[in-house]
Structure formats: C-alpha cells, structure tokens
Amino acid sequence: LGAWDGKNLVGTVTLLLDCPPNQPHRAEIAKLMTRTDYRGRGVGTRLMRAAESLAVEKGRTLLVLDTATEEGASGLYERLGFTLAGEIPDYALKPHGGLTGTLIYWKRIGQIS
C-alpha cells in the first residue's frame, strides 16, 4: 500500500497475507516506511490502518510485526493497539553496520471465532 502527496510517494507499508497453511488467520506487516520529511504527519498511522482494514477484509484475525529496537516505530505501533510480545537481541544488521535487536508485536483484529 502507498501514501501519496500529489505525484510524490511519501510512505509505503507491506502486508503479507500468504502465511503457512497452519496460520490462515494471520497477516504480517513486513515493512512500514515514511519519508523522513513526512514523519509525524499521520502518514504511518493511515498506512497501518489501511493495512489492518485489508487484513480484516481478507478474514485475518491476528496481525503481527517486528521493528528495530533502535530507531524503530514502537511508539506508533503501541498507539495503534499492538502488544509487545518480546525482544530478540542482535536480530538484524543495521544499514551502516552492526547489529540491532527487534521488537515483536501482535494485535487481534476483526471478528474472533
């Protein structure tokens, strides 16, 4: 999904719906990116709400994501109702070298059977 300001792409979010056969109820946010000059203007919030709506439309009841421990969007996710499940240290490489941990979040969405 994308957010546009006129002809300029200012943010994107990737929603993964193709989960393993034993997890048909789950969707995953794989990447949320907002141009730095558009942060704090609601772009990420609108993208996340659109992704959640699409997941519900596709019958999903659980949404999961992870974000970098350093410089991640944990505050945004918590404001949107996600629950922190835990942290994995040294999970991924930083863009300019070194390792960073990741925070794992989850949220129940839609109708729960």
PDB file of N, CA and C in Angstrom:
ATOM      1  N   LEU A   1       0.852  -1.178   0.000  1.00  0.00           N
ATOM      2  CA  LEU A   1       0.000   0.000   0.000  1.00  0.00           C
ATOM      3  C   LEU A   1       0.890   1.230   0.000  1.00  0.00           C
ATOM      4  N   GLY A   2       0.421   2.311  -0.605  1.00  0.00           N
ATOM      5  CA  GLY A   2       1.220   3.519  -0.679  1.00  0.00           C
ATOM      6  C   GLY A   2       0.446   4.756  -0.270  1.00  0.00           C
ATOM      7  N   ALA A   3       1.182   5.755   0.193  1.00  0.00           N
ATOM      8  CA  ALA A   3       0.614   7.065   0.528  1.00  0.00           C
ATOM      9  C   ALA A   3       1.250   8.085  -0.401  1.00  0.00           C
ATOM     10  N   TRP A   4       0.431   8.923  -0.969  1.00  0.00           N
ATOM     11  CA  TRP A   4       0.897   9.879  -1.966  1.00  0.00           C
ATOM     12  C   TRP A   4       0.567  11.300  -1.546  1.00  0.00           C
ATOM     13  N   ASP A   5       1.444  12.215  -1.890  1.00  0.00           N
ATOM     14  CA  ASP A   5       1.192  13.648  -1.787  1.00  0.00           C
ATOM     15  C   ASP A   5       1.317  14.161  -3.216  1.00  0.00           C
ATOM     16  N   GLY A   6       0.181  14.273  -3.891  1.00  0.00           N
ATOM     17  CA  GLY A   6       0.209  14.573  -5.318  1.00  0.00           C
ATOM     18  C   GLY A   6       0.834  13.418  -6.066  1.00  0.00           C
ATOM     19  N   LYS A   7       1.908  13.683  -6.786  1.00  0.00           N
ATOM     20  CA  LYS A   7       2.610  12.631  -7.535  1.00  0.00           C
ATOM     21  C   LYS A   7       3.775  12.035  -6.754  1.00  0.00           C
ATOM     22  N   ASN A   8       3.979  12.477  -5.522  1.00  0.00           N
ATOM     23  CA  ASN A   8       5.110  12.015  -4.713  1.00  0.00           C
ATOM     24  C   ASN A   8       4.696  10.905  -3.759  1.00  0.00           C
ATOM     25  N   LEU A   9       5.382   9.776  -3.852  1.00  0.00           N
ATOM     26  CA  LEU A   9       5.175   8.685  -2.909  1.00  0.00           C
ATOM     27  C   LEU A   9       5.850   9.068  -1.598  1.00  0.00           C
ATOM     28  N   VAL A  10       5.078   9.133  -0.506  1.00  0.00           N
ATOM     29  CA  VAL A  10       5.634   9.590   0.771  1.00  0.00           C
ATOM     30  C   VAL A  10       5.669   8.493   1.834  1.00  0.00           C
ATOM     31  N   GLY A  11       5.052   7.341   1.545  1.00  0.00           N
ATOM     32  CA  GLY A  11       5.094   6.246   2.501  1.00  0.00           C
ATOM     33  C   GLY A  11       4.567   4.965   1.891  1.00  0.00           C
ATOM     34  N   THR A  12       5.026   3.836   2.437  1.00  0.00           N
ATOM     35  CA  THR A  12       4.547   2.527   1.993  1.00  0.00           C
ATOM     36  C   THR A  12       4.451   1.591   3.186  1.00  0.00           C
ATOM     37  N   VAL A  13       3.591   0.597   3.050  1.00  0.00           N
ATOM     38  CA  VAL A  13       3.526  -0.494   4.019  1.00  0.00           C
ATOM     39  C   VAL A  13       3.281  -1.779   3.231  1.00  0.00           C
ATOM     40  N   THR A  14       3.929  -2.854   3.649  1.00  0.00           N
ATOM     41  CA  THR A  14       3.757  -4.157   3.020  1.00  0.00           C
ATOM     42  C   THR A  14       2.977  -5.054   3.967  1.00  0.00           C
ATOM     43  N   LEU A  15       1.886  -5.614   3.470  1.00  0.00           N
ATOM     44  CA  LEU A  15       1.058  -6.540   4.234  1.00  0.00           C
ATOM     45  C   LEU A  15       1.205  -7.919   3.614  1.00  0.00           C
ATOM     46  N   LEU A  16       1.712  -8.875   4.382  1.00  0.00           N
ATOM     47  CA  LEU A  16       1.869 -10.251   3.906  1.00  0.00           C
ATOM     48  C   LEU A  16       0.650 -11.063   4.327  1.00  0.00           C
ATOM     49  N   LEU A  17      -0.051 -11.608   3.340  1.00  0.00           N
ATOM     50  CA  LEU A  17      -1.239 -12.423   3.608  1.00  0.00           C
ATOM     51  C   LEU A  17      -0.982 -13.900   3.349  1.00  0.00           C
ATOM     52  N   ASP A  18       0.097 -14.229   2.663  1.00  0.00           N
ATOM     53  CA  ASP A  18       0.410 -15.600   2.282  1.00  0.00           C
ATOM     54  C   ASP A  18       1.233 -16.266   3.380  1.00  0.00           C
ATOM     55  N   CYS A  19       0.547 -16.684   4.435  1.00  0.00           N
ATOM     56  CA  CYS A  19       1.209 -17.317   5.584  1.00  0.00           C
ATOM     57  C   CYS A  19       1.173 -18.834   5.432  1.00  0.00           C
ATOM     58  N   PRO A  20       1.924 -19.572   6.253  1.00  0.00           N
ATOM     59  CA  PRO A  20       1.921 -21.034   6.183  1.00  0.00           C
ATOM     60  C   PRO A  20       0.509 -21.607   6.348  1.00  0.00           C
ATOM     61  N   PRO A  21       0.281 -22.833   5.851  1.00  0.00           N
ATOM     62  CA  PRO A  21      -1.055 -23.440   5.894  1.00  0.00           C
ATOM     63  C   PRO A  21      -1.670 -23.520   7.294  1.00  0.00           C
ATOM     64  N   ASN A  22      -0.848 -23.633   8.327  1.00  0.00           N
ATOM     65  CA  ASN A  22      -1.396 -23.727   9.683  1.00  0.00           C
ATOM     66  C   ASN A  22      -1.633 -22.356  10.311  1.00  0.00           C
ATOM     67  N   GLN A  23      -1.494 -21.276   9.517  1.00  0.00           N
ATOM     68  CA  GLN A  23      -1.689 -19.919  10.037  1.00  0.00           C
ATOM     69  C   GLN A  23      -2.555 -19.070   9.096  1.00  0.00           C
ATOM     70  N   PRO A  24      -3.688 -19.609   8.628  1.00  0.00           N
ATOM     71  CA  PRO A  24      -4.506 -18.854   7.675  1.00  0.00           C
ATOM     72  C   PRO A  24      -5.195 -17.641   8.295  1.00  0.00           C
ATOM     73  N   HIS A  25      -5.191 -17.562   9.598  1.00  0.00           N
ATOM     74  CA  HIS A  25      -5.848 -16.469  10.327  1.00  0.00           C
ATOM     75  C   HIS A  25      -4.925 -15.263  10.526  1.00  0.00           C
ATOM     76  N   ARG A  26      -3.671 -15.390  10.126  1.00  0.00           N
ATOM     77  CA  ARG A  26      -2.648 -14.394  10.458  1.00  0.00           C
ATOM     78  C   ARG A  26      -2.206 -13.604   9.227  1.00  0.00           C
ATOM     79  N   ALA A  27      -1.876 -12.324   9.462  1.00  0.00           N
ATOM     80  CA  ALA A  27      -1.227 -11.482   8.453  1.00  0.00           C
ATOM     81  C   ALA A  27      -0.039 -10.812   9.129  1.00  0.00           C
ATOM     82  N   GLU A  28       0.897 -10.359   8.312  1.00  0.00           N
ATOM     83  CA  GLU A  28       2.108  -9.757   8.865  1.00  0.00           C
ATOM     84  C   GLU A  28       2.430  -8.440   8.169  1.00  0.00           C
ATOM     85  N   ILE A  29       2.754  -7.441   8.978  1.00  0.00           N
ATOM     86  CA  ILE A  29       3.286  -6.190   8.452  1.00  0.00           C
ATOM     87  C   ILE A  29       4.779  -6.424   8.265  1.00  0.00           C
ATOM     88  N   ALA A  30       5.244  -6.369   7.013  1.00  0.00           N
ATOM     89  CA  ALA A  30       6.651  -6.665   6.749  1.00  0.00           C
ATOM     90  C   ALA A  30       7.508  -5.408   6.723  1.00  0.00           C
ATOM     91  N   LYS A  31       6.942  -4.282   6.332  1.00  0.00           N
ATOM     92  CA  LYS A  31       7.760  -3.078   6.219  1.00  0.00           C
ATOM     93  C   LYS A  31       6.844  -1.862   6.187  1.00  0.00           C
ATOM     94  N   LEU A  32       7.111  -0.908   7.064  1.00  0.00           N
ATOM     95  CA  LEU A  32       6.451   0.397   7.043  1.00  0.00           C
ATOM     96  C   LEU A  32       7.545   1.433   6.858  1.00  0.00           C
ATOM     97  N   MET A  33       7.422   2.238   5.818  1.00  0.00           N
ATOM     98  CA  MET A  33       8.419   3.280   5.561  1.00  0.00           C
ATOM     99  C   MET A  33       7.705   4.590   5.247  1.00  0.00           C
ATOM    100  N   THR A  34       8.187   5.661   5.852  1.00  0.00           N
ATOM    101  CA  THR A  34       7.662   7.002   5.600  1.00  0.00           C
ATOM    102  C   THR A  34       8.848   7.922   5.336  1.00  0.00           C
ATOM    103  N   ARG A  35       8.726   8.766   4.325  1.00  0.00           N
ATOM    104  CA  ARG A  35       9.792   9.739   4.083  1.00  0.00           C
ATOM    105  C   ARG A  35      10.014  10.550   5.345  1.00  0.00           C
ATOM    106  N   THR A  36      11.273  10.801   5.658  1.00  0.00           N
ATOM    107  CA  THR A  36      11.590  11.492   6.914  1.00  0.00           C
ATOM    108  C   THR A  36      10.911  12.845   7.019  1.00  0.00           C
ATOM    109  N   ASP A  37      10.759  13.556   5.913  1.00  0.00           N
ATOM    110  CA  ASP A  37      10.119  14.873   5.978  1.00  0.00           C
ATOM    111  C   ASP A  37       8.600  14.793   6.110  1.00  0.00           C
ATOM    112  N   TYR A  38       8.041  13.567   6.107  1.00  0.00           N
ATOM    113  CA  TYR A  38       6.600  13.387   6.309  1.00  0.00           C
ATOM    114  C   TYR A  38       6.289  12.695   7.632  1.00  0.00           C
ATOM    115  N   ARG A  39       7.291  12.369   8.410  1.00  0.00           N
ATOM    116  CA  ARG A  39       7.053  11.712   9.700  1.00  0.00           C
ATOM    117  C   ARG A  39       6.395  12.678  10.667  1.00  0.00           C
ATOM    118  N   GLY A  40       5.527  12.142  11.519  1.00  0.00           N
ATOM    119  CA  GLY A  40       4.812  12.969  12.481  1.00  0.00           C
ATOM    120  C   GLY A  40       3.606  13.674  11.881  1.00  0.00           C
ATOM    121  N   ARG A  41       3.241  13.305  10.651  1.00  0.00           N
ATOM    122  CA  ARG A  41       2.111  13.943   9.975  1.00  0.00           C
ATOM    123  C   ARG A  41       0.963  12.972   9.730  1.00  0.00           C
ATOM    124  N   GLY A  42       1.015  11.790  10.358  1.00  0.00           N
ATOM    125  CA  GLY A  42      -0.086  10.834  10.260  1.00  0.00           C
ATOM    126  C   GLY A  42      -0.010   9.864   9.100  1.00  0.00           C
ATOM    127  N   VAL A  43       1.045   9.934   8.307  1.00  0.00           N
ATOM    128  CA  VAL A  43       1.167   9.048   7.151  1.00  0.00           C
ATOM    129  C   VAL A  43       1.263   7.591   7.596  1.00  0.00           C
ATOM    130  N   GLY A  44       2.144   7.303   8.540  1.00  0.00           N
ATOM    131  CA  GLY A  44       2.305   5.934   9.032  1.00  0.00           C
ATOM    132  C   GLY A  44       1.034   5.402   9.665  1.00  0.00           C
ATOM    133  N   THR A  45       0.351   6.233  10.422  1.00  0.00           N
ATOM    134  CA  THR A  45      -0.911   5.822  11.052  1.00  0.00           C
ATOM    135  C   THR A  45      -1.936   5.449   9.995  1.00  0.00           C
ATOM    136  N   ARG A  46      -2.088   6.281   8.975  1.00  0.00           N
ATOM    137  CA  ARG A  46      -3.067   5.993   7.920  1.00  0.00           C
ATOM    138  C   ARG A  46      -2.701   4.726   7.147  1.00  0.00           C
ATOM    139  N   LEU A  47      -1.419   4.538   6.880  1.00  0.00           N
ATOM    140  CA  LEU A  47      -0.996   3.323   6.187  1.00  0.00           C
ATOM    141  C   LEU A  47      -1.274   2.078   7.027  1.00  0.00           C
ATOM    142  N   MET A  48      -0.963   2.143   8.307  1.00  0.00           N
ATOM    143  CA  MET A  48      -1.205   0.993   9.184  1.00  0.00           C
ATOM    144  C   MET A  48      -2.697   0.682   9.291  1.00  0.00           C
ATOM    145  N   ARG A  49      -3.527   1.703   9.383  1.00  0.00           N
ATOM    146  CA  ARG A  49      -4.981   1.477   9.448  1.00  0.00           C
ATOM    147  C   ARG A  49      -5.493   0.859   8.151  1.00  0.00           C
ATOM    148  N   ALA A  50      -4.959   1.298   7.023  1.00  0.00           N
ATOM    149  CA  ALA A  50      -5.357   0.717   5.737  1.00  0.00           C
ATOM    150  C   ALA A  50      -4.935  -0.749   5.650  1.00  0.00           C
ATOM    151  N   ALA A  51      -3.731  -1.062   6.110  1.00  0.00           N
ATOM    152  CA  ALA A  51      -3.252  -2.446   6.098  1.00  0.00           C
ATOM    153  C   ALA A  51      -4.109  -3.314   7.010  1.00  0.00           C
ATOM    154  N   GLU A  52      -4.446  -2.798   8.185  1.00  0.00           N
ATOM    155  CA  GLU A  52      -5.296  -3.558   9.106  1.00  0.00           C
ATOM    156  C   GLU A  52      -6.673  -3.791   8.493  1.00  0.00           C
ATOM    157  N   SER A  53      -7.245  -2.787   7.869  1.00  0.00           N
ATOM    158  CA  SER A  53      -8.558  -2.938   7.225  1.00  0.00           C
ATOM    159  C   SER A  53      -8.516  -3.998   6.132  1.00  0.00           C
ATOM    160  N   LEU A  54      -7.453  -4.001   5.335  1.00  0.00           N
ATOM    161  CA  LEU A  54      -7.311  -5.002   4.285  1.00  0.00           C
ATOM    162  C   LEU A  54      -7.174  -6.401   4.880  1.00  0.00           C
ATOM    163  N   ALA A  55      -6.412  -6.525   5.953  1.00  0.00           N
ATOM    164  CA  ALA A  55      -6.259  -7.826   6.613  1.00  0.00           C
ATOM    165  C   ALA A  55      -7.608  -8.336   7.124  1.00  0.00           C
ATOM    166  N   VAL A  56      -8.396  -7.457   7.724  1.00  0.00           N
ATOM    167  CA  VAL A  56      -9.732  -7.840   8.208  1.00  0.00           C
ATOM    168  C   VAL A  56     -10.607  -8.247   7.027  1.00  0.00           C
ATOM    169  N   GLU A  57     -10.559  -7.469   5.956  1.00  0.00           N
ATOM    170  CA  GLU A  57     -11.335  -7.768   4.747  1.00  0.00           C
ATOM    171  C   GLU A  57     -10.995  -9.155   4.206  1.00  0.00           C
ATOM    172  N   LYS A  58      -9.739  -9.564   4.362  1.00  0.00           N
ATOM    173  CA  LYS A  58      -9.284 -10.874   3.891  1.00  0.00           C
ATOM    174  C   LYS A  58      -9.499 -11.973   4.932  1.00  0.00           C
ATOM    175  N   GLY A  59     -10.210 -11.651   6.022  1.00  0.00           N
ATOM    176  CA  GLY A  59     -10.574 -12.657   7.010  1.00  0.00           C
ATOM    177  C   GLY A  59      -9.527 -12.951   8.062  1.00  0.00           C
ATOM    178  N   ARG A  60      -8.519 -12.110   8.189  1.00  0.00           N
ATOM    179  CA  ARG A  60      -7.478 -12.341   9.189  1.00  0.00           C
ATOM    180  C   ARG A  60      -7.926 -11.812  10.546  1.00  0.00           C
ATOM    181  N   THR A  61      -7.473 -12.486  11.615  1.00  0.00           N
ATOM    182  CA  THR A  61      -7.841 -12.080  12.978  1.00  0.00           C
ATOM    183  C   THR A  61      -6.632 -11.766  13.848  1.00  0.00           C
ATOM    184  N   LEU A  62      -5.433 -11.958  13.309  1.00  0.00           N
ATOM    185  CA  LEU A  62      -4.210 -11.667  14.054  1.00  0.00           C
ATOM    186  C   LEU A  62      -3.231 -10.970  13.119  1.00  0.00           C
ATOM    187  N   LEU A  63      -2.695  -9.857  13.590  1.00  0.00           N
ATOM    188  CA  LEU A  63      -1.718  -9.093  12.820  1.00  0.00           C
ATOM    189  C   LEU A  63      -0.433  -9.041  13.633  1.00  0.00           C
ATOM    190  N   VAL A  64       0.697  -9.374  13.009  1.00  0.00           N
ATOM    191  CA  VAL A  64       1.987  -9.372  13.701  1.00  0.00           C
ATOM    192  C   VAL A  64       2.980  -8.511  12.926  1.00  0.00           C
ATOM    193  N   LEU A  65       4.003  -8.042  13.644  1.00  0.00           N
ATOM    194  CA  LEU A  65       5.054  -7.252  13.009  1.00  0.00           C
ATOM    195  C   LEU A  65       6.270  -7.236  13.907  1.00  0.00           C
ATOM    196  N   ASP A  66       7.386  -6.805  13.345  1.00  0.00           N
ATOM    197  CA  ASP A  66       8.563  -6.545  14.171  1.00  0.00           C
ATOM    198  C   ASP A  66       9.165  -5.224  13.738  1.00  0.00           C
ATOM    199  N   THR A  67       9.881  -4.596  14.656  1.00  0.00           N
ATOM    200  CA  THR A  67      10.528  -3.318  14.383  1.00  0.00           C
ATOM    201  C   THR A  67      11.863  -3.278  15.107  1.00  0.00           C
ATOM    202  N   ALA A  68      12.792  -2.554  14.558  1.00  0.00           N
ATOM    203  CA  ALA A  68      14.122  -2.456  15.161  1.00  0.00           C
ATOM    204  C   ALA A  68      14.042  -1.869  16.565  1.00  0.00           C
ATOM    205  N   THR A  69      14.837  -2.429  17.459  1.00  0.00           N
ATOM    206  CA  THR A  69      14.900  -1.922  18.828  1.00  0.00           C
ATOM    207  C   THR A  69      15.361  -0.471  18.827  1.00  0.00           C
ATOM    208  N   GLU A  70      16.352  -0.176  18.012  1.00  0.00           N
ATOM    209  CA  GLU A  70      16.867   1.190  17.880  1.00  0.00           C
ATOM    210  C   GLU A  70      16.231   1.827  16.650  1.00  0.00           C
ATOM    211  N   GLU A  71      15.685   3.001  16.804  1.00  0.00           N
ATOM    212  CA  GLU A  71      15.118   3.780  15.707  1.00  0.00           C
ATOM    213  C   GLU A  71      13.907   3.127  15.060  1.00  0.00           C
ATOM    214  N   GLY A  72      13.236   2.202  15.731  1.00  0.00           N
ATOM    215  CA  GLY A  72      12.035   1.588  15.193  1.00  0.00           C
ATOM    216  C   GLY A  72      10.808   2.433  15.501  1.00  0.00           C
ATOM    217  N   ALA A  73       9.653   1.939  15.097  1.00  0.00           N
ATOM    218  CA  ALA A  73       8.396   2.677  15.250  1.00  0.00           C
ATOM    219  C   ALA A  73       7.542   2.112  16.380  1.00  0.00           C
ATOM    220  N   SER A  74       8.182   1.649  17.458  1.00  0.00           N
ATOM    221  CA  SER A  74       7.424   1.011  18.538  1.00  0.00           C
ATOM    222  C   SER A  74       6.357   1.923  19.126  1.00  0.00           C
ATOM    223  N   GLY A  75       6.634   3.207  19.255  1.00  0.00           N
ATOM    224  CA  GLY A  75       5.638   4.135  19.796  1.00  0.00           C
ATOM    225  C   GLY A  75       4.384   4.179  18.946  1.00  0.00           C
ATOM    226  N   LEU A  76       4.544   4.215  17.640  1.00  0.00           N
ATOM    227  CA  LEU A  76       3.404   4.213  16.723  1.00  0.00           C
ATOM    228  C   LEU A  76       2.598   2.932  16.888  1.00  0.00           C
ATOM    229  N   TYR A  77       3.270   1.790  16.891  1.00  0.00           N
ATOM    230  CA  TYR A  77       2.562   0.516  16.983  1.00  0.00           C
ATOM    231  C   TYR A  77       1.801   0.398  18.300  1.00  0.00           C
ATOM    232  N   GLU A  78       2.395   0.841  19.380  1.00  0.00           N
ATOM    233  CA  GLU A  78       1.707   0.780  20.671  1.00  0.00           C
ATOM    234  C   GLU A  78       0.499   1.714  20.691  1.00  0.00           C
ATOM    235  N   ARG A  79       0.606   2.895  20.084  1.00  0.00           N
ATOM    236  CA  ARG A  79      -0.548   3.801  19.986  1.00  0.00           C
ATOM    237  C   ARG A  79      -1.676   3.182  19.165  1.00  0.00           C
ATOM    238  N   LEU A  80      -1.331   2.324  18.221  1.00  0.00           N
ATOM    239  CA  LEU A  80      -2.333   1.674  17.379  1.00  0.00           C
ATOM    240  C   LEU A  80      -2.881   0.391  18.002  1.00  0.00           C
ATOM    241  N   GLY A  81      -2.495   0.094  19.238  1.00  0.00           N
ATOM    242  CA  GLY A  81      -3.065  -1.044  19.951  1.00  0.00           C
ATOM    243  C   GLY A  81      -2.293  -2.340  19.867  1.00  0.00           C
ATOM    244  N   PHE A  82      -1.088  -2.316  19.330  1.00  0.00           N
ATOM    245  CA  PHE A  82      -0.276  -3.528  19.285  1.00  0.00           C
ATOM    246  C   PHE A  82       0.324  -3.800  20.658  1.00  0.00           C
ATOM    247  N   THR A  83       0.487  -5.079  20.974  1.00  0.00           N
ATOM    248  CA  THR A  83       1.055  -5.530  22.240  1.00  0.00           C
ATOM    249  C   THR A  83       2.463  -6.065  21.995  1.00  0.00           C
ATOM    250  N   LEU A  84       3.401  -5.631  22.821  1.00  0.00           N
ATOM    251  CA  LEU A  84       4.775  -6.114  22.718  1.00  0.00           C
ATOM    252  C   LEU A  84       4.851  -7.541  23.246  1.00  0.00           C
ATOM    253  N   ALA A  85       5.332  -8.460  22.403  1.00  0.00           N
ATOM    254  CA  ALA A  85       5.497  -9.853  22.817  1.00  0.00           C
ATOM    255  C   ALA A  85       6.887 -10.101  23.378  1.00  0.00           C
ATOM    256  N   GLY A  86       7.878  -9.359  22.891  1.00  0.00           N
ATOM    257  CA  GLY A  86       9.230  -9.552  23.387  1.00  0.00           C
ATOM    258  C   GLY A  86      10.268  -8.979  22.444  1.00  0.00           C
ATOM    259  N   GLU A  87      11.514  -9.163  22.836  1.00  0.00           N
ATOM    260  CA  GLU A  87      12.637  -8.636  22.073  1.00  0.00           C
ATOM    261  C   GLU A  87      13.611  -9.756  21.752  1.00  0.00           C
ATOM    262  N   ILE A  88      14.145  -9.728  20.534  1.00  0.00           N
ATOM    263  CA  ILE A  88      15.202 -10.644  20.129  1.00  0.00           C
ATOM    264  C   ILE A  88      16.457  -9.797  19.915  1.00  0.00           C
ATOM    265  N   PRO A  89      17.517 -10.038  20.691  1.00  0.00           N
ATOM    266  CA  PRO A  89      18.738  -9.235  20.515  1.00  0.00           C
ATOM    267  C   PRO A  89      19.483  -9.630  19.240  1.00  0.00           C
ATOM    268  N   ASP A  90      20.249  -8.689  18.700  1.00  0.00           N
ATOM    269  CA  ASP A  90      21.132  -8.953  17.552  1.00  0.00           C
ATOM    270  C   ASP A  90      20.412  -9.659  16.403  1.00  0.00           C
ATOM    271  N   TYR A  91      19.223  -9.196  16.077  1.00  0.00           N
ATOM    272  CA  TYR A  91      18.362  -9.855  15.091  1.00  0.00           C
ATOM    273  C   TYR A  91      18.747  -9.534  13.649  1.00  0.00           C
ATOM    274  N   ALA A  92      19.146  -8.295  13.396  1.00  0.00           N
ATOM    275  CA  ALA A  92      19.381  -7.873  12.013  1.00  0.00           C
ATOM    276  C   ALA A  92      20.555  -6.901  11.940  1.00  0.00           C
ATOM    277  N   LEU A  93      21.071  -6.753  10.740  1.00  0.00           N
ATOM    278  CA  LEU A  93      22.139  -5.790  10.508  1.00  0.00           C
ATOM    279  C   LEU A  93      21.558  -4.392  10.353  1.00  0.00           C
ATOM    280  N   LYS A  94      22.226  -3.411  10.931  1.00  0.00           N
ATOM    281  CA  LYS A  94      21.863  -2.011  10.723  1.00  0.00           C
ATOM    282  C   LYS A  94      22.332  -1.600   9.329  1.00  0.00           C
ATOM    283  N   PRO A  95      21.714  -0.584   8.720  1.00  0.00           N
ATOM    284  CA  PRO A  95      22.126  -0.158   7.377  1.00  0.00           C
ATOM    285  C   PRO A  95      23.605   0.203   7.272  1.00  0.00           C
ATOM    286  N   HIS A  96      24.187   0.754   8.328  1.00  0.00           N
ATOM    287  CA  HIS A  96      25.583   1.185   8.266  1.00  0.00           C
ATOM    288  C   HIS A  96      26.504   0.314   9.120  1.00  0.00           C
ATOM    289  N   GLY A  97      26.095  -0.923   9.370  1.00  0.00           N
ATOM    290  CA  GLY A  97      26.924  -1.861  10.105  1.00  0.00           C
ATOM    291  C   GLY A  97      26.483  -2.062  11.535  1.00  0.00           C
ATOM    292  N   GLY A  98      26.871  -3.168  12.100  1.00  0.00           N
ATOM    293  CA  GLY A  98      26.494  -3.513  13.462  1.00  0.00           C
ATOM    294  C   GLY A  98      25.150  -4.222  13.499  1.00  0.00           C
ATOM    295  N   LEU A  99      24.822  -4.731  14.657  1.00  0.00           N
ATOM    296  CA  LEU A  99      23.580  -5.476  14.842  1.00  0.00           C
ATOM    297  C   LEU A  99      22.586  -4.685  15.669  1.00  0.00           C
ATOM    298  N   THR A 100      21.318  -4.929  15.415  1.00  0.00           N
ATOM    299  CA  THR A 100      20.251  -4.345  16.216  1.00  0.00           C
ATOM    300  C   THR A 100      19.264  -5.432  16.603  1.00  0.00           C
ATOM    301  N   GLY A 101      18.650  -5.256  17.732  1.00  0.00           N
ATOM    302  CA  GLY A 101      17.601  -6.169  18.150  1.00  0.00           C
ATOM    303  C   GLY A 101      16.304  -5.847  17.434  1.00  0.00           C
ATOM    304  N   THR A 102      15.311  -6.706  17.632  1.00  0.00           N
ATOM    305  CA  THR A 102      13.985  -6.442  17.080  1.00  0.00           C
ATOM    306  C   THR A 102      12.939  -6.663  18.157  1.00  0.00           C
ATOM    307  N   LEU A 103      11.896  -5.866  18.095  1.00  0.00           N
ATOM    308  CA  LEU A 103      10.757  -5.985  18.991  1.00  0.00           C
ATOM    309  C   LEU A 103       9.625  -6.641  18.217  1.00  0.00           C
ATOM    310  N   ILE A 104       8.999  -7.658  18.800  1.00  0.00           N
ATOM    311  CA  ILE A 104       7.910  -8.398  18.161  1.00  0.00           C
ATOM    312  C   ILE A 104       6.586  -7.919  18.753  1.00  0.00           C
ATOM    313  N   TYR A 105       5.647  -7.532  17.884  1.00  0.00           N
ATOM    314  CA  TYR A 105       4.331  -7.038  18.301  1.00  0.00           C
ATOM    315  C   TYR A 105       3.219  -7.866  17.675  1.00  0.00           C
ATOM    316  N   TRP A 106       2.055  -7.868  18.333  1.00  0.00           N
ATOM    317  CA  TRP A 106       0.873  -8.546  17.805  1.00  0.00           C
ATOM    318  C   TRP A 106      -0.384  -7.745  18.155  1.00  0.00           C
ATOM    319  N   LYS A 107      -1.454  -7.996  17.375  1.00  0.00           N
ATOM    320  CA  LYS A 107      -2.736  -7.329  17.621  1.00  0.00           C
ATOM    321  C   LYS A 107      -3.861  -8.204  17.084  1.00  0.00           C
ATOM    322  N   ARG A 108      -4.896  -8.406  17.890  1.00  0.00           N
ATOM    323  CA  ARG A 108      -6.100  -9.096  17.419  1.00  0.00           C
ATOM    324  C   ARG A 108      -6.928  -8.102  16.620  1.00  0.00           C
ATOM    325  N   ILE A 109      -7.445  -8.558  15.492  1.00  0.00           N
ATOM    326  CA  ILE A 109      -8.220  -7.691  14.608  1.00  0.00           C
ATOM    327  C   ILE A 109      -9.476  -8.423  14.141  1.00  0.00           C
ATOM    328  N   GLY A 110     -10.447  -7.689  13.648  1.00  0.00           N
ATOM    329  CA  GLY A 110     -11.641  -8.301  13.083  1.00  0.00           C
ATOM    330  C   GLY A 110     -12.409  -9.126  14.093  1.00  0.00           C
ATOM    331  N   GLN A 111     -13.224 -10.016  13.575  1.00  0.00           N
ATOM    332  CA  GLN A 111     -14.041 -10.892  14.418  1.00  0.00           C
ATOM    333  C   GLN A 111     -13.236 -12.121  14.820  1.00  0.00           C
ATOM    334  N   ILE A 112     -13.215 -12.407  16.100  1.00  0.00           N
ATOM    335  CA  ILE A 112     -12.512 -13.587  16.616  1.00  0.00           C
ATOM    336  C   ILE A 112     -13.537 -14.704  16.798  1.00  0.00           C
ATOM    337  N   SER A 113     -13.287 -15.875  16.165  1.00  0.00           N
ATOM    338  CA  SER A 113     -14.215 -17.010  16.291  1.00  0.00           C
ATOM    339  C   SER A 113     -13.915 -17.819  17.529  1.00  0.00           C
TER     340      SER A 113
END
